[in-house]
Amino acid sequence: MEQRTKLRAFREEMLGVPRDDIVRHSKTLTLSTYRRAESGFAVKYSTAVEIVEAFNNILAIQKKSPVTMADLDINLE
């Protein structure tokens, strides 16, 4: 069973979008890298920034306030 991280909970509960949408709203993020981050594995700082940017792109479309890296509790390398 996958670990329920803050990142995953936020995507499911606040954004209400599948993982694929996060990848579509980023520049170079891959689904496998995002999946690893969402499962709690450590990612590079640049990857974390891209995840936050993708979340904020979706939040802007939904007319919601942006988030920070701290809000998502992304595990960094």
C-alpha atoms as a PDB file:
ATOM      1  CA  MET A   1       0.000   0.000   0.000  1.00  0.00           C
ATOM      2  CA  GLU A   2       1.311   3.463  -0.916  1.00  0.00           C
ATOM      3  CA  GLN A   3       2.197   5.892   1.829  1.00  0.00           C
ATOM      4  CA  ARG A   4      -0.261   8.799   2.093  1.00  0.00           C
ATOM      5  CA  THR A   5       2.016  11.818   2.047  1.00  0.00           C
ATOM      6  CA  LYS A   6       0.982  15.428   2.462  1.00  0.00           C
ATOM      7  CA  LEU A   7       1.768  15.918  -1.228  1.00  0.00           C
ATOM      8  CA  ARG A   8      -0.609  13.138  -2.249  1.00  0.00           C
ATOM      9  CA  ALA A   9      -3.324  14.266   0.162  1.00  0.00           C
ATOM     10  CA  PHE A  10      -3.152  17.824  -1.165  1.00  0.00           C
ATOM     11  CA  ARG A  11      -3.378  16.652  -4.783  1.00  0.00           C
ATOM     12  CA  GLU A  12      -6.352  14.409  -4.089  1.00  0.00           C
ATOM     13  CA  GLU A  13      -8.275  16.599  -1.650  1.00  0.00           C
ATOM     14  CA  MET A  14      -7.481  20.187  -2.644  1.00  0.00           C
ATOM     15  CA  LEU A  15      -6.743  19.910  -6.353  1.00  0.00           C
ATOM     16  CA  GLY A  16      -8.936  16.923  -7.124  1.00  0.00           C
ATOM     17  CA  VAL A  17      -6.841  15.963 -10.143  1.00  0.00           C
ATOM     18  CA  PRO A  18      -5.017  12.794 -11.213  1.00  0.00           C
ATOM     19  CA  ARG A  19      -1.214  12.596 -11.187  1.00  0.00           C
ATOM     20  CA  ASP A  20      -1.149  12.999 -14.957  1.00  0.00           C
ATOM     21  CA  ASP A  21      -2.506  16.544 -14.621  1.00  0.00           C
ATOM     22  CA  ILE A  22       0.427  17.536 -12.406  1.00  0.00           C
ATOM     23  CA  VAL A  23       2.829  16.296 -15.076  1.00  0.00           C
ATOM     24  CA  ARG A  24       0.886  18.073 -17.847  1.00  0.00           C
ATOM     25  CA  HIS A  25       1.138  21.384 -15.973  1.00  0.00           C
ATOM     26  CA  SER A  26       4.928  21.142 -15.613  1.00  0.00           C
ATOM     27  CA  LYS A  27       7.765  21.716 -18.058  1.00  0.00           C
ATOM     28  CA  THR A  28       9.920  18.610 -17.670  1.00  0.00           C
ATOM     29  CA  LEU A  29       8.471  16.566 -14.810  1.00  0.00           C
ATOM     30  CA  THR A  30       7.882  12.896 -15.592  1.00  0.00           C
ATOM     31  CA  LEU A  31       5.098  10.779 -14.148  1.00  0.00           C
ATOM     32  CA  SER A  32       7.577   8.367 -12.562  1.00  0.00           C
ATOM     33  CA  THR A  33       9.478  11.187 -10.836  1.00  0.00           C
ATOM     34  CA  TYR A  34       6.255  12.739  -9.565  1.00  0.00           C
ATOM     35  CA  ARG A  35       5.039   9.336  -8.358  1.00  0.00           C
ATOM     36  CA  ARG A  36       8.284   8.883  -6.395  1.00  0.00           C
ATOM     37  CA  ALA A  37       7.929  12.317  -4.779  1.00  0.00           C
ATOM     38  CA  GLU A  38       4.317  11.598  -3.904  1.00  0.00           C
ATOM     39  CA  SER A  39       5.366   8.289  -2.337  1.00  0.00           C
ATOM     40  CA  GLY A  40       7.778  10.102  -0.007  1.00  0.00           C
ATOM     41  CA  PHE A  41      11.071   9.465  -1.788  1.00  0.00           C
ATOM     42  CA  ALA A  42      13.594  12.301  -1.805  1.00  0.00           C
ATOM     43  CA  VAL A  43      13.786  14.422  -4.957  1.00  0.00           C
ATOM     44  CA  LYS A  44      16.121  17.149  -6.190  1.00  0.00           C
ATOM     45  CA  TYR A  45      15.343  20.729  -5.232  1.00  0.00           C
ATOM     46  CA  SER A  46      14.737  21.596  -8.903  1.00  0.00           C
ATOM     47  CA  THR A  47      12.152  18.799  -9.127  1.00  0.00           C
ATOM     48  CA  ALA A  48      10.406  20.056  -5.996  1.00  0.00           C
ATOM     49  CA  VAL A  49      10.256  23.565  -7.453  1.00  0.00           C
ATOM     50  CA  GLU A  50       8.701  22.176 -10.620  1.00  0.00           C
ATOM     51  CA  ILE A  51       6.089  20.276  -8.602  1.00  0.00           C
ATOM     52  CA  VAL A  52       5.174  23.433  -6.685  1.00  0.00           C
ATOM     53  CA  GLU A  53       4.924  25.379  -9.950  1.00  0.00           C
ATOM     54  CA  ALA A  54       2.650  22.710 -11.459  1.00  0.00           C
ATOM     55  CA  PHE A  55       0.421  22.744  -8.362  1.00  0.00           C
ATOM     56  CA  ASN A  56       0.256  26.549  -8.496  1.00  0.00           C
ATOM     57  CA  ASN A  57      -0.622  26.502 -12.216  1.00  0.00           C
ATOM     58  CA  ILE A  58      -3.586  24.273 -11.422  1.00  0.00           C
ATOM     59  CA  LEU A  59      -4.542  26.329  -8.369  1.00  0.00           C
ATOM     60  CA  ALA A  60      -4.518  29.501 -10.494  1.00  0.00           C
ATOM     61  CA  ILE A  61      -6.918  27.859 -12.970  1.00  0.00           C
ATOM     62  CA  GLN A  62      -9.130  26.875 -10.026  1.00  0.00           C
ATOM     63  CA  LYS A  63      -8.862  30.447  -8.636  1.00  0.00           C
ATOM     64  CA  LYS A  64      -7.308  29.230  -5.376  1.00  0.00           C
ATOM     65  CA  SER A  65      -4.351  30.563  -3.389  1.00  0.00           C
ATOM     66  CA  PRO A  66      -0.847  29.319  -4.280  1.00  0.00           C
ATOM     67  CA  VAL A  67       1.146  26.907  -2.134  1.00  0.00           C
ATOM     68  CA  THR A  68       4.786  26.762  -1.078  1.00  0.00           C
ATOM     69  CA  MET A  69       7.200  23.874  -0.901  1.00  0.00           C
ATOM     70  CA  ALA A  70       6.711  23.804   2.872  1.00  0.00           C
ATOM     71  CA  ASP A  71       2.944  23.437   2.424  1.00  0.00           C
ATOM     72  CA  LEU A  72       3.483  20.251   0.416  1.00  0.00           C
ATOM     73  CA  ASP A  73       6.192  18.793   2.673  1.00  0.00           C
ATOM     74  CA  ILE A  74       8.276  17.485  -0.248  1.00  0.00           C
ATOM     75  CA  ASN A  75      11.186  15.299   0.805  1.00  0.00           C
ATOM     76  CA  LEU A  76      14.415  16.780  -0.618  1.00  0.00           C
ATOM     77  CA  GLU A  77      17.702  14.983  -1.390  1.00  0.00           C
END
